[in-house]
Amino acid sequence: MTGQELVIKMRISLVIFLITSYGFEYNLSIWQKLNESFNSEVKSIFIDANESNDIYVGTSKALFVSSNEGKDFTFVYAPSGESVVINEIYVPPEEGLTIFIATDAGLYKKSGFDNNWSRIFYSSNKEEAKCLAVKKVSGKIFLGTERGLLYKRSDSSNFVKIIGNFDNKAINQIKEYEGHLLIATNNEIFVLDVESVESKRIFFAGSYYGLKDEEEVDYEKQKILKILSTKLGNNPAVFVVTNNEIFYSYDLGIRWERIWADSIPVDKATAMVVNDTKNLSHGECNNEQINCLDIIVSTKRGVFLYRKGTWSPVYKGMETNNVNCLAMGAERKVYAGTDKGVFTLLVSDSLPSNVEIASKYKYIDVNNEFEHEPEIKEVHHLAIEYGDVNPDKIQNWRKLVKKRAYFPDVSLSLDVDRNRTISNSIYGSYTSGGQHYVGPNDKTFYRNTGVGVSLSWDLADIVWSSDQLSIDSRSKMMVELREDILDQVTRLYFERRRVQIELLTLAENEPQLKMDKEMRLAELTALLDSFTGGEFSKRIEAGRK
């Protein structure tokens, strides 16, 4: 049997394992979209820790809330009627009727049952008006802006700027920590005493701060992306995500430890949540605190889970990898705000054993179900052609630039000069009777025409052309765009396939669930059509004929 025959035979005998309704443990590792019709890009998310457990999400236009675990999202407020990004949503503990939203156009607040909002901070300075973070502690409201840190007492009407360590710096995040506040700028973290409003730096991206194996850490151009303050058991902890590394400290920055993150795109990190798992069944802590944690990091390239020293991608069920924010809810539920709405994940305590998997799956041959549909490579090709991001385009540009050096710069010139003059000549003798004589008209005219052609070569272009820099820049942008397109298409394709498989196993007595899955399938098909100019559906129809 040849290798090709073996591949064909394996393809024909392909059997897909499909989970049945009682395979609950397996589904714990699959993202679920909270609301199929809510597809707005979510910039911020907040889970109300008060009795309501409401889910608040902020987009680039408005604030929405769900009071039924994400089944429905209701419009709450649009700041000033403008399209402004909601950077952070904050509901103070034990103040469920008070909501703060930090936006690009100031800080807004709602108090009481009525949906009456007021802008309590604004500045004519655009950078200062851009509010990034807000917290309320001990009767004081602290506000982080693009241009400094401010605060005000609840009984005061004006914010006061905190000078010193925060002068004109972007205050990206404010986190509570054991009665103090952690303040994060682009490359520094400060701990701030709420009462005295005095601060001390505990982390600087360009310094070592007692880290182990210092020489292996690359601090050049390091930038703080996210910080997290959490309590793990009896130990408060601080986590720092930079564009190079992930650090943590259990002693408020006296000593920092590093979490290896070479296998994930930490430079594109957008959020982090941490869960204490020392009492769960998936492993022993071995007296090492880091082994007692589940760490989930979202990036612009998907979501990743750190467990017992290993990073794993968590992507099933989510058709996008552009995750902007995360929030940890009750019962170990993780909520992700993406460019395609809100997804939730219930992190499993452990993976089922092989025996459990075998007992909870049934075998279904689905080769015939999808033979008429294009394969993923074909869909990639369609998306590349429609997006005009074929790598051959750049190669063709490079070849043309090299050939251009052999062709001269041609300059043409045309010079035309015309003139015509007519004049009368009057002459005569005045001494003999005053006779006058009029002579013939003087006529002069000419027409001169000149044509010039010049050719010039820049021989240096044979070796190197300045146009190459422009091509290199365009090539970099095209590669990034092509990667984004292919990444999105791949996610959509296999998420669509998962929905198709789920539809095959649905029972006839589940019409509502079947309708939801069919709508989801139609949505994913439409999204793939948008990436391929409608060719995806055309290929499916052609395959059925």
Protein backbone atom coordinates (compact mmCIF):
# COMPACT_ATOMS: atom_id res chain seq x y z
CA MET A 1 0.00 0.00 0.00
CA THR A 2 1.41 3.35 -1.03
CA GLY A 3 1.56 6.36 1.29
CA GLN A 4 -1.12 8.13 -0.75
CA GLU A 5 -3.45 5.11 -0.55
CA LEU A 6 -2.91 4.98 3.21
CA VAL A 7 -3.85 8.63 3.57
CA ILE A 8 -6.98 8.13 1.47
CA LYS A 9 -7.96 5.06 3.50
CA MET A 10 -7.46 6.93 6.76
CA ARG A 11 -9.57 9.78 5.43
CA ILE A 12 -12.39 7.45 4.42
CA SER A 13 -12.37 5.68 7.77
CA LEU A 14 -12.21 8.91 9.75
CA VAL A 15 -14.37 8.76 12.85
CA ILE A 16 -15.06 11.85 14.94
CA PHE A 17 -15.68 11.57 18.64
CA LEU A 18 -18.81 13.46 19.59
CA ILE A 19 -19.74 14.20 23.16
CA THR A 20 -23.26 13.45 24.31
CA SER A 21 -25.39 15.49 26.64
CA TYR A 22 -24.02 13.74 29.71
CA GLY A 23 -20.36 14.50 28.86
CA PHE A 24 -20.44 17.58 31.11
CA GLU A 25 -16.81 17.66 32.20
CA TYR A 26 -15.53 18.01 28.64
CA ASN A 27 -17.70 21.06 27.99
CA LEU A 28 -16.06 22.92 30.85
CA SER A 29 -13.14 23.79 28.58
CA ILE A 30 -15.29 25.30 25.82
CA TRP A 31 -16.11 28.97 25.56
CA GLN A 32 -19.80 29.75 25.35
CA LYS A 33 -21.11 32.94 23.76
CA LEU A 34 -23.45 34.65 26.19
CA ASN A 35 -25.72 36.27 23.63
CA GLU A 36 -25.61 35.38 19.96
CA SER A 37 -27.09 38.71 18.84
CA PHE A 38 -24.74 40.88 20.91
CA ASN A 39 -21.73 41.26 18.59
CA SER A 40 -20.41 44.67 19.59
CA GLU A 41 -16.72 44.99 20.38
CA VAL A 42 -16.40 44.95 24.16
CA LYS A 43 -13.69 47.23 25.53
CA SER A 44 -14.31 46.72 29.26
CA ILE A 45 -16.20 44.27 31.45
CA PHE A 46 -17.15 44.26 35.13
CA ILE A 47 -18.91 41.64 37.23
CA ASP A 48 -20.85 43.24 40.09
CA ALA A 49 -19.71 41.50 43.27
CA ASN A 50 -22.81 42.66 45.12
CA GLU A 51 -25.96 40.58 45.38
CA SER A 52 -27.08 41.30 41.80
CA ASN A 53 -24.06 39.72 40.04
CA ASP A 54 -24.88 41.90 37.06
CA ILE A 55 -22.55 41.78 34.07
CA TYR A 56 -21.61 45.24 32.78
CA VAL A 57 -19.90 45.67 29.43
CA GLY A 58 -18.59 48.83 27.83
CA THR A 59 -18.13 49.36 24.11
CA SER A 60 -16.86 52.27 22.05
CA LYS A 61 -20.36 53.72 22.11
CA ALA A 62 -22.32 52.76 25.21
CA LEU A 63 -22.71 50.84 28.45
CA PHE A 64 -24.80 47.65 28.57
CA VAL A 65 -25.85 45.37 31.42
CA SER A 66 -27.13 41.82 31.77
CA SER A 67 -29.07 40.76 34.86
CA ASN A 68 -29.77 37.22 33.67
CA GLU A 69 -26.28 35.74 33.36
CA GLY A 70 -25.68 37.16 29.89
CA LYS A 71 -28.78 35.87 28.13
CA ASP A 72 -29.80 39.45 27.33
CA PHE A 73 -27.90 42.73 27.31
CA THR A 74 -29.79 45.96 27.92
CA PHE A 75 -28.65 49.41 26.93
CA VAL A 76 -27.86 51.53 29.99
CA TYR A 77 -26.16 54.74 28.94
CA ALA A 78 -24.26 56.47 26.13
CA PRO A 79 -21.94 59.18 27.51
CA SER A 80 -22.95 62.61 26.19
CA GLY A 81 -24.60 60.93 23.24
CA GLU A 82 -21.12 60.59 21.75
CA SER A 83 -19.16 57.60 20.50
CA VAL A 84 -16.58 57.46 23.26
CA VAL A 85 -14.70 54.42 24.48
CA ILE A 86 -15.60 53.17 27.96
CA ASN A 87 -12.18 52.27 29.37
CA GLU A 88 -13.30 50.99 32.77
CA ILE A 89 -16.52 50.16 34.60
CA TYR A 90 -16.52 50.22 38.38
CA VAL A 91 -19.20 49.43 40.96
CA PRO A 92 -17.87 50.05 44.51
CA PRO A 93 -18.34 47.10 46.89
CA GLU A 94 -21.53 47.34 48.93
CA GLU A 95 -22.70 50.21 46.72
CA GLY A 96 -24.61 48.36 44.02
CA LEU A 97 -26.61 51.46 43.12
CA THR A 98 -23.49 53.49 42.29
CA ILE A 99 -21.73 53.00 38.96
CA PHE A 100 -18.66 54.80 37.61
CA ILE A 101 -17.54 54.68 33.99
CA ALA A 102 -14.16 56.09 32.95
CA THR A 103 -14.30 57.21 29.32
CA ASP A 104 -12.29 59.12 26.78
CA ALA A 105 -14.55 62.09 27.48
CA GLY A 106 -14.44 62.22 31.28
CA LEU A 107 -15.73 60.35 34.33
CA TYR A 108 -19.46 59.60 34.65
CA LYS A 109 -21.42 58.48 37.69
CA LYS A 110 -24.89 57.13 38.44
CA SER A 111 -26.37 56.87 41.92
CA GLY A 112 -29.71 55.51 43.05
CA PHE A 113 -32.39 53.57 41.25
CA ASP A 114 -33.00 56.21 38.56
CA ASN A 115 -30.93 56.07 35.40
CA ASN A 116 -29.68 59.62 35.95
CA TRP A 117 -26.05 60.05 34.98
CA SER A 118 -23.77 63.02 35.54
CA ARG A 119 -20.29 63.80 34.36
CA ILE A 120 -18.33 64.49 37.53
CA PHE A 121 -14.98 65.13 35.87
CA TYR A 122 -13.95 66.73 32.59
CA SER A 123 -11.01 68.76 31.33
CA SER A 124 -10.42 70.90 28.29
CA ASN A 125 -7.09 69.14 28.01
CA LYS A 126 -7.79 66.08 25.86
CA GLU A 127 -5.17 63.95 27.59
CA GLU A 128 -6.45 64.79 31.06
CA ALA A 129 -10.05 64.28 29.95
CA LYS A 130 -9.20 60.72 28.88
CA CYS A 131 -10.02 58.70 32.01
CA LEU A 132 -8.48 55.23 32.18
CA ALA A 133 -9.13 53.91 35.70
CA VAL A 134 -11.24 54.69 38.77
CA LYS A 135 -11.53 53.35 42.33
CA LYS A 136 -13.36 54.46 45.48
CA VAL A 137 -11.68 53.70 48.81
CA SER A 138 -12.31 55.14 52.30
CA GLY A 139 -14.65 57.81 51.01
CA LYS A 140 -12.22 58.99 48.30
CA ILE A 141 -12.55 58.63 44.56
CA PHE A 142 -9.23 58.12 42.75
CA LEU A 143 -9.09 58.78 39.02
CA GLY A 144 -6.35 57.81 36.61
CA THR A 145 -6.09 59.85 33.43
CA GLU A 146 -3.80 60.07 30.45
CA ARG A 147 -2.12 62.99 32.20
CA GLY A 148 -1.88 62.25 35.90
CA LEU A 149 -3.64 60.94 39.02
CA LEU A 150 -6.47 62.85 40.71
CA TYR A 151 -8.71 62.29 43.71
CA LYS A 152 -11.61 63.86 45.55
CA ARG A 153 -13.53 63.22 48.73
CA SER A 154 -17.13 62.12 48.40
CA ASP A 155 -18.31 65.38 49.99
CA SER A 156 -16.20 67.53 47.65
CA SER A 157 -17.13 68.66 44.17
CA ASN A 158 -13.65 69.09 42.69
CA PHE A 159 -10.85 66.68 41.90
CA VAL A 160 -7.35 67.50 43.12
CA LYS A 161 -4.26 66.48 41.19
CA ILE A 162 -1.71 64.40 43.09
CA ILE A 163 1.72 65.80 42.33
CA GLY A 164 5.08 64.12 42.67
CA ASN A 165 5.40 60.59 41.31
CA PHE A 166 2.45 60.93 38.93
CA ASP A 167 3.08 64.30 37.27
CA ASN A 168 1.77 64.20 33.69
CA LYS A 169 2.07 60.39 33.51
CA ALA A 170 -0.56 58.11 32.04
CA ILE A 171 -2.25 56.28 34.93
CA ASN A 172 -3.39 53.12 33.18
CA GLN A 173 -4.64 51.04 36.12
CA ILE A 174 -5.66 51.41 39.76
CA LYS A 175 -6.01 48.25 41.89
CA GLU A 176 -6.92 47.82 45.55
CA TYR A 177 -4.40 46.11 47.79
CA GLU A 178 -4.93 45.53 51.52
CA GLY A 179 -6.25 49.02 52.23
CA HIS A 180 -3.79 50.61 49.80
CA LEU A 181 -3.89 51.28 46.07
CA LEU A 182 -1.58 50.03 43.36
CA ILE A 183 -1.04 52.65 40.66
CA ALA A 184 0.38 51.59 37.29
CA THR A 185 1.93 53.94 34.73
CA ASN A 186 3.52 52.88 31.46
CA ASN A 187 6.60 51.43 33.18
CA GLU A 188 6.20 51.89 36.93
CA ILE A 189 4.03 50.61 39.77
CA PHE A 190 3.48 52.60 42.97
CA VAL A 191 1.77 51.68 46.19
CA LEU A 192 -0.28 54.61 47.50
CA ASP A 193 -1.47 55.19 51.04
CA VAL A 194 -5.12 56.19 50.84
CA GLU A 195 -5.11 58.39 53.93
CA SER A 196 -1.90 60.36 53.38
CA VAL A 197 -1.97 60.09 49.57
CA GLU A 198 1.77 59.37 49.71
CA SER A 199 3.27 56.86 47.30
CA LYS A 200 6.30 54.60 46.92
CA ARG A 201 7.53 52.88 43.81
CA ILE A 202 7.65 49.09 44.04
CA PHE A 203 8.30 48.14 40.42
CA PHE A 204 10.16 49.77 37.58
CA ALA A 205 10.31 48.04 34.21
CA GLY A 206 13.94 49.03 33.71
CA SER A 207 15.21 47.63 37.01
CA TYR A 208 15.88 44.19 38.44
CA TYR A 209 14.39 44.48 41.94
CA GLY A 210 16.03 41.33 43.26
CA LEU A 211 14.84 39.03 40.50
CA LYS A 212 16.46 35.68 40.04
CA ASP A 213 18.67 35.04 36.98
CA GLU A 214 18.80 38.76 36.33
CA GLU A 215 21.06 38.52 33.34
CA GLU A 216 18.40 36.59 31.39
CA VAL A 217 15.73 39.28 31.64
CA ASP A 218 15.49 41.72 28.76
CA TYR A 219 14.47 45.08 30.19
CA GLU A 220 15.11 47.15 27.10
CA LYS A 221 11.97 49.08 26.17
CA GLN A 222 9.96 47.06 28.66
CA LYS A 223 6.44 48.34 29.22
CA ILE A 224 3.83 47.44 31.81
CA LEU A 225 0.68 46.12 30.13
CA LYS A 226 -1.45 44.89 33.04
CA ILE A 227 -1.32 44.53 36.80
CA LEU A 228 -3.45 42.38 39.06
CA SER A 229 -3.99 42.53 42.80
CA THR A 230 -5.58 39.46 44.32
CA LYS A 231 -5.73 37.42 47.51
CA LEU A 232 -4.70 33.80 47.25
CA GLY A 233 -5.61 32.02 50.46
CA ASN A 234 -4.22 34.20 53.21
CA ASN A 235 -1.57 35.74 51.00
CA PRO A 236 -2.16 38.96 49.06
CA ALA A 237 -0.34 38.92 45.72
CA VAL A 238 0.58 41.33 42.96
CA PHE A 239 0.98 40.23 39.33
CA VAL A 240 2.61 42.33 36.62
CA VAL A 241 2.38 41.60 32.90
CA THR A 242 4.90 43.44 30.76
CA ASN A 243 5.57 43.18 27.05
CA ASN A 244 8.45 40.82 27.87
CA GLU A 245 7.65 38.87 31.02
CA ILE A 246 5.15 38.08 33.78
CA PHE A 247 6.15 38.76 37.39
CA TYR A 248 4.53 38.23 40.77
CA SER A 249 5.25 39.19 44.37
CA TYR A 250 3.79 38.08 47.71
CA ASP A 251 5.53 40.80 49.74
CA LEU A 252 4.42 43.98 47.94
CA GLY A 253 7.42 44.23 45.68
CA ILE A 254 10.27 43.47 48.07
CA ARG A 255 10.97 40.37 46.04
CA TRP A 256 9.69 39.58 42.56
CA GLU A 257 9.52 36.19 40.92
CA ARG A 258 9.14 35.47 37.24
CA ILE A 259 6.64 33.23 35.46
CA TRP A 260 8.02 31.82 32.24
CA ALA A 261 5.88 33.02 29.36
CA ASP A 262 8.07 32.45 26.31
CA SER A 263 5.43 30.25 24.66
CA ILE A 264 2.67 32.88 24.59
CA PRO A 265 2.46 36.32 22.89
CA VAL A 266 2.83 38.20 26.15
CA ASP A 267 3.69 41.40 24.25
CA LYS A 268 0.05 41.46 23.09
CA ALA A 269 -1.45 40.77 26.51
CA THR A 270 -4.68 42.63 27.34
CA ALA A 271 -5.83 41.20 30.68
CA MET A 272 -5.16 38.62 33.40
CA VAL A 273 -7.21 36.78 36.02
CA VAL A 274 -5.92 34.38 38.66
CA ASN A 275 -7.69 31.65 40.60
CA ASP A 276 -6.47 29.86 43.73
CA THR A 277 -6.71 26.11 43.10
CA LYS A 278 -4.91 24.60 46.07
CA ASN A 279 -8.07 22.86 47.29
CA LEU A 280 -8.99 21.49 43.87
CA SER A 281 -8.29 18.08 42.45
CA HIS A 282 -5.98 18.76 39.54
CA GLY A 283 -2.69 18.61 41.45
CA GLU A 284 -0.70 19.05 44.60
CA CYS A 285 0.87 22.42 45.43
CA ASN A 286 4.10 20.88 46.77
CA ASN A 287 4.46 23.95 49.00
CA GLU A 288 5.07 26.08 45.93
CA GLN A 289 2.53 28.87 45.78
CA ILE A 290 2.74 29.31 42.01
CA ASN A 291 1.64 25.68 41.54
CA CYS A 292 -1.56 26.47 43.40
CA LEU A 293 -2.73 28.92 40.75
CA ASP A 294 -4.67 28.90 37.53
CA ILE A 295 -3.53 31.98 35.61
CA ILE A 296 -5.51 33.05 32.56
CA VAL A 297 -4.04 35.68 30.24
CA SER A 298 -5.89 37.17 27.29
CA THR A 299 -4.03 38.56 24.31
CA LYS A 300 -4.72 39.82 20.82
CA ARG A 301 -3.83 36.27 19.75
CA GLY A 302 -6.22 34.36 22.00
CA VAL A 303 -6.50 33.21 25.62
CA PHE A 304 -3.95 31.08 27.48
CA LEU A 305 -4.12 29.10 30.72
CA TYR A 306 -1.13 28.58 33.02
CA ARG A 307 -1.39 25.48 35.19
CA LYS A 308 1.45 23.73 37.03
CA GLY A 309 4.19 25.34 34.98
CA THR A 310 2.61 24.85 31.55
CA TRP A 311 0.81 27.28 29.24
CA SER A 312 -2.07 25.96 27.14
CA PRO A 313 -4.27 27.79 24.62
CA VAL A 314 -7.96 27.97 25.51
CA TYR A 315 -9.74 28.58 22.24
CA LYS A 316 -12.55 26.07 21.71
CA GLY A 317 -15.90 27.73 21.13
CA MET A 318 -14.52 31.23 20.52
CA GLU A 319 -14.44 32.26 16.87
CA THR A 320 -12.19 35.26 17.49
CA ASN A 321 -8.78 35.65 19.09
CA ASN A 322 -9.07 39.39 19.69
CA VAL A 323 -9.80 39.49 23.43
CA ASN A 324 -9.78 42.94 25.03
CA CYS A 325 -10.64 42.21 28.67
CA LEU A 326 -11.30 39.50 31.24
CA ALA A 327 -13.29 39.29 34.46
CA MET A 328 -13.58 36.54 37.06
CA GLY A 329 -17.12 35.82 38.17
CA ALA A 330 -18.65 33.52 40.74
CA GLU A 331 -18.12 29.76 40.68
CA ARG A 332 -14.87 30.03 38.73
CA LYS A 333 -16.48 31.48 35.63
CA VAL A 334 -14.26 33.61 33.43
CA TYR A 335 -15.82 36.28 31.22
CA ALA A 336 -14.05 37.56 28.11
CA GLY A 337 -14.89 40.74 26.24
CA THR A 338 -13.95 40.39 22.57
CA ASP A 339 -14.51 42.10 19.25
CA LYS A 340 -17.39 39.64 18.72
CA GLY A 341 -19.23 40.07 22.01
CA VAL A 342 -18.93 38.34 25.39
CA PHE A 343 -17.88 34.73 26.02
CA THR A 344 -17.74 32.75 29.25
CA LEU A 345 -15.63 29.80 30.32
CA LEU A 346 -16.06 27.54 33.33
CA VAL A 347 -12.53 26.38 34.11
CA SER A 348 -12.48 22.63 34.77
CA ASP A 349 -10.90 21.24 37.91
CA SER A 350 -9.44 18.31 36.03
CA LEU A 351 -9.56 16.56 32.71
CA PRO A 352 -11.53 13.31 32.53
CA SER A 353 -9.58 10.08 32.32
CA ASN A 354 -9.32 8.07 29.11
CA VAL A 355 -11.85 5.57 30.45
CA GLU A 356 -14.31 8.36 31.27
CA ILE A 357 -13.83 9.86 27.82
CA ALA A 358 -14.47 6.54 26.11
CA SER A 359 -17.65 5.96 28.12
CA LYS A 360 -19.06 9.39 27.35
CA TYR A 361 -18.52 9.50 23.59
CA LYS A 362 -20.23 7.87 20.72
CA TYR A 363 -18.87 7.31 17.26
CA ILE A 364 -20.28 9.02 14.22
CA ASP A 365 -18.80 8.91 10.74
CA VAL A 366 -19.23 12.41 9.35
CA ASN A 367 -17.11 12.22 6.19
CA ASN A 368 -20.13 12.39 3.93
CA GLU A 369 -21.63 15.30 5.85
CA PHE A 370 -18.87 17.74 4.91
CA GLU A 371 -17.43 16.41 1.64
CA HIS A 372 -19.16 19.14 -0.35
CA GLU A 373 -17.56 21.92 1.70
CA PRO A 374 -14.18 23.53 0.96
CA GLU A 375 -11.26 22.53 3.14
CA ILE A 376 -9.47 25.02 5.34
CA LYS A 377 -6.58 25.52 2.88
CA GLU A 378 -9.02 26.46 0.16
CA VAL A 379 -10.76 28.93 2.47
CA HIS A 380 -7.38 30.43 3.37
CA HIS A 381 -6.67 30.94 -0.32
CA LEU A 382 -10.05 32.58 -0.89
CA ALA A 383 -9.52 34.95 2.04
CA ILE A 384 -6.02 35.91 0.89
CA GLU A 385 -7.22 36.66 -2.64
CA TYR A 386 -10.23 38.66 -1.46
CA GLY A 387 -8.15 40.61 1.07
CA ASP A 388 -5.47 41.27 -1.58
CA VAL A 389 -2.72 40.16 0.80
CA ASN A 390 -1.03 37.57 -1.38
CA PRO A 391 2.72 37.39 -0.61
CA ASP A 392 3.41 37.24 -4.37
CA LYS A 393 2.35 40.88 -4.52
CA ILE A 394 5.34 41.98 -2.42
CA GLN A 395 7.73 39.77 -4.37
CA ASN A 396 6.50 41.33 -7.59
CA TRP A 397 7.10 44.80 -6.17
CA ARG A 398 10.67 43.86 -5.26
CA LYS A 399 11.37 42.57 -8.77
CA LEU A 400 9.96 45.71 -10.35
CA VAL A 401 12.09 47.93 -8.12
CA LYS A 402 15.23 46.11 -9.26
CA LYS A 403 14.25 46.46 -12.93
CA ARG A 404 13.43 50.12 -12.48
CA ALA A 405 17.13 50.96 -11.95
CA TYR A 406 17.87 50.07 -15.60
CA PHE A 407 15.27 52.46 -16.95
CA PRO A 408 16.20 56.13 -17.18
CA ASP A 409 14.29 59.11 -15.94
CA VAL A 410 13.02 60.81 -19.11
CA SER A 411 12.53 64.55 -19.26
CA LEU A 412 10.82 66.26 -22.26
CA SER A 413 10.76 70.00 -22.95
CA LEU A 414 9.04 72.11 -25.62
CA ASP A 415 9.86 75.79 -26.16
CA VAL A 416 7.78 77.90 -28.62
CA ASP A 417 8.47 81.64 -29.22
CA ARG A 418 6.19 83.68 -31.54
CA ASN A 419 6.23 87.41 -32.43
CA ARG A 420 4.60 89.76 -35.03
CA THR A 421 5.08 93.57 -35.38
CA ILE A 422 3.47 96.06 -37.83
CA SER A 423 4.34 99.79 -37.88
CA ASN A 424 3.87 102.83 -40.25
CA SER A 425 6.90 104.89 -41.38
CA ILE A 426 6.26 108.64 -41.89
CA TYR A 427 8.93 110.81 -43.48
CA GLY A 428 9.17 113.87 -45.81
CA SER A 429 10.71 117.29 -46.44
CA TYR A 430 9.62 120.28 -44.37
CA THR A 431 11.83 122.82 -46.07
CA SER A 432 10.22 122.81 -49.47
CA GLY A 433 6.52 123.27 -49.00
CA GLY A 434 5.81 120.88 -46.20
CA GLN A 435 5.21 117.81 -48.29
CA HIS A 436 4.81 114.55 -46.42
CA TYR A 437 5.35 111.01 -47.58
CA VAL A 438 3.97 107.87 -45.94
CA GLY A 439 6.13 104.90 -46.45
CA PRO A 440 5.07 101.21 -46.58
CA ASN A 441 4.24 99.31 -43.35
CA ASP A 442 7.12 97.68 -41.49
CA LYS A 443 6.38 94.07 -40.75
CA THR A 444 8.38 91.73 -38.57
CA PHE A 445 7.34 88.29 -37.39
CA TYR A 446 9.05 85.04 -36.35
CA ARG A 447 8.27 81.63 -34.87
CA ASN A 448 10.93 79.69 -33.00
CA THR A 449 10.27 76.17 -31.72
CA GLY A 450 12.65 74.13 -29.57
CA VAL A 451 12.27 70.51 -28.42
CA GLY A 452 14.50 68.93 -25.77
CA VAL A 453 14.88 65.35 -24.48
CA SER A 454 17.08 64.34 -21.55
CA LEU A 455 17.78 60.92 -20.05
CA SER A 456 19.30 60.26 -16.62
CA TRP A 457 20.21 57.16 -14.63
CA ASP A 458 20.86 56.77 -10.94
CA LEU A 459 23.32 53.87 -10.98
CA ALA A 460 23.13 53.53 -7.20
CA ASP A 461 19.59 52.19 -7.60
CA ILE A 462 21.08 49.05 -9.11
CA VAL A 463 22.56 48.24 -5.71
CA TRP A 464 19.95 49.80 -3.40
CA SER A 465 16.80 51.83 -4.00
CA SER A 466 15.12 54.05 -1.45
CA ASP A 467 11.84 52.55 -2.64
CA GLN A 468 12.94 49.35 -0.91
CA LEU A 469 12.26 50.97 2.48
CA SER A 470 8.70 51.72 1.48
CA ILE A 471 8.23 48.15 0.26
CA ASP A 472 9.66 46.73 3.50
CA SER A 473 7.21 48.82 5.52
CA ARG A 474 4.28 47.77 3.36
CA SER A 475 5.44 44.15 3.52
CA LYS A 476 5.45 44.20 7.33
CA MET A 477 1.93 45.62 7.45
CA MET A 478 0.72 43.11 4.85
CA VAL A 479 2.19 40.16 6.76
CA GLU A 480 0.45 41.31 9.96
CA LEU A 481 -2.83 41.82 8.12
CA ARG A 482 -2.57 38.41 6.42
CA GLU A 483 -1.86 36.73 9.77
CA ASP A 484 -4.89 38.42 11.31
CA ILE A 485 -7.12 37.39 8.42
CA LEU A 486 -5.94 33.77 8.40
CA ASP A 487 -6.19 33.55 12.17
CA GLN A 488 -9.76 34.81 12.15
CA VAL A 489 -10.75 32.60 9.22
CA THR A 490 -9.26 29.52 10.91
CA ARG A 491 -11.15 30.23 14.12
CA LEU A 492 -14.41 30.80 12.28
CA TYR A 493 -14.00 27.71 10.11
CA PHE A 494 -13.45 25.25 12.95
CA GLU A 495 -15.96 26.91 15.25
CA ARG A 496 -18.49 26.48 12.44
CA ARG A 497 -17.49 22.82 12.11
CA ARG A 498 -18.01 22.29 15.84
CA VAL A 499 -21.51 23.76 15.59
CA GLN A 500 -22.25 21.47 12.65
CA ILE A 501 -21.17 18.46 14.69
CA GLU A 502 -23.30 19.57 17.63
CA LEU A 503 -26.30 19.83 15.31
CA LEU A 504 -25.75 16.22 14.22
CA THR A 505 -26.09 14.99 17.80
CA LEU A 506 -29.00 17.10 19.00
CA ALA A 507 -32.08 15.22 20.02
CA GLU A 508 -35.40 15.89 18.26
CA ASN A 509 -36.94 17.05 21.54
CA GLU A 510 -34.61 20.07 21.69
CA PRO A 511 -36.12 22.38 19.01
CA GLN A 512 -35.10 25.62 20.75
CA LEU A 513 -31.48 24.55 21.13
CA LYS A 514 -31.46 23.35 17.55
CA MET A 515 -32.78 26.71 16.35
CA ASP A 516 -30.08 28.53 18.32
CA LYS A 517 -27.38 26.33 16.81
CA GLU A 518 -28.74 26.82 13.29
CA MET A 519 -28.71 30.60 13.77
CA ARG A 520 -25.15 30.33 15.05
CA LEU A 521 -24.20 28.27 12.00
CA ALA A 522 -25.74 30.88 9.68
CA GLU A 523 -23.86 33.64 11.50
CA LEU A 524 -20.50 31.87 11.18
CA THR A 525 -21.18 31.15 7.51
CA ALA A 526 -21.92 34.83 6.91
CA LEU A 527 -18.72 35.83 8.69
CA LEU A 528 -16.68 33.49 6.49
CA ASP A 529 -18.45 34.95 3.45
CA SER A 530 -17.39 38.42 4.58
CA PHE A 531 -13.75 37.30 4.54
CA THR A 532 -14.05 35.64 1.13
CA GLY A 533 -16.39 37.95 -0.74
CA GLY A 534 -19.19 35.38 -0.66
CA GLU A 535 -17.05 32.67 -2.27
CA PHE A 536 -17.31 30.34 0.74
CA SER A 537 -21.07 29.84 0.30
CA LYS A 538 -20.67 29.61 -3.48
CA ARG A 539 -18.16 26.76 -3.09
CA ILE A 540 -20.53 24.93 -0.74
CA GLU A 541 -23.40 25.24 -3.24
CA ALA A 542 -21.13 24.12 -6.07
CA GLY A 543 -20.05 21.09 -4.04
CA ARG A 544 -23.65 20.01 -3.51
CA LYS A 545 -24.40 19.90 -7.24
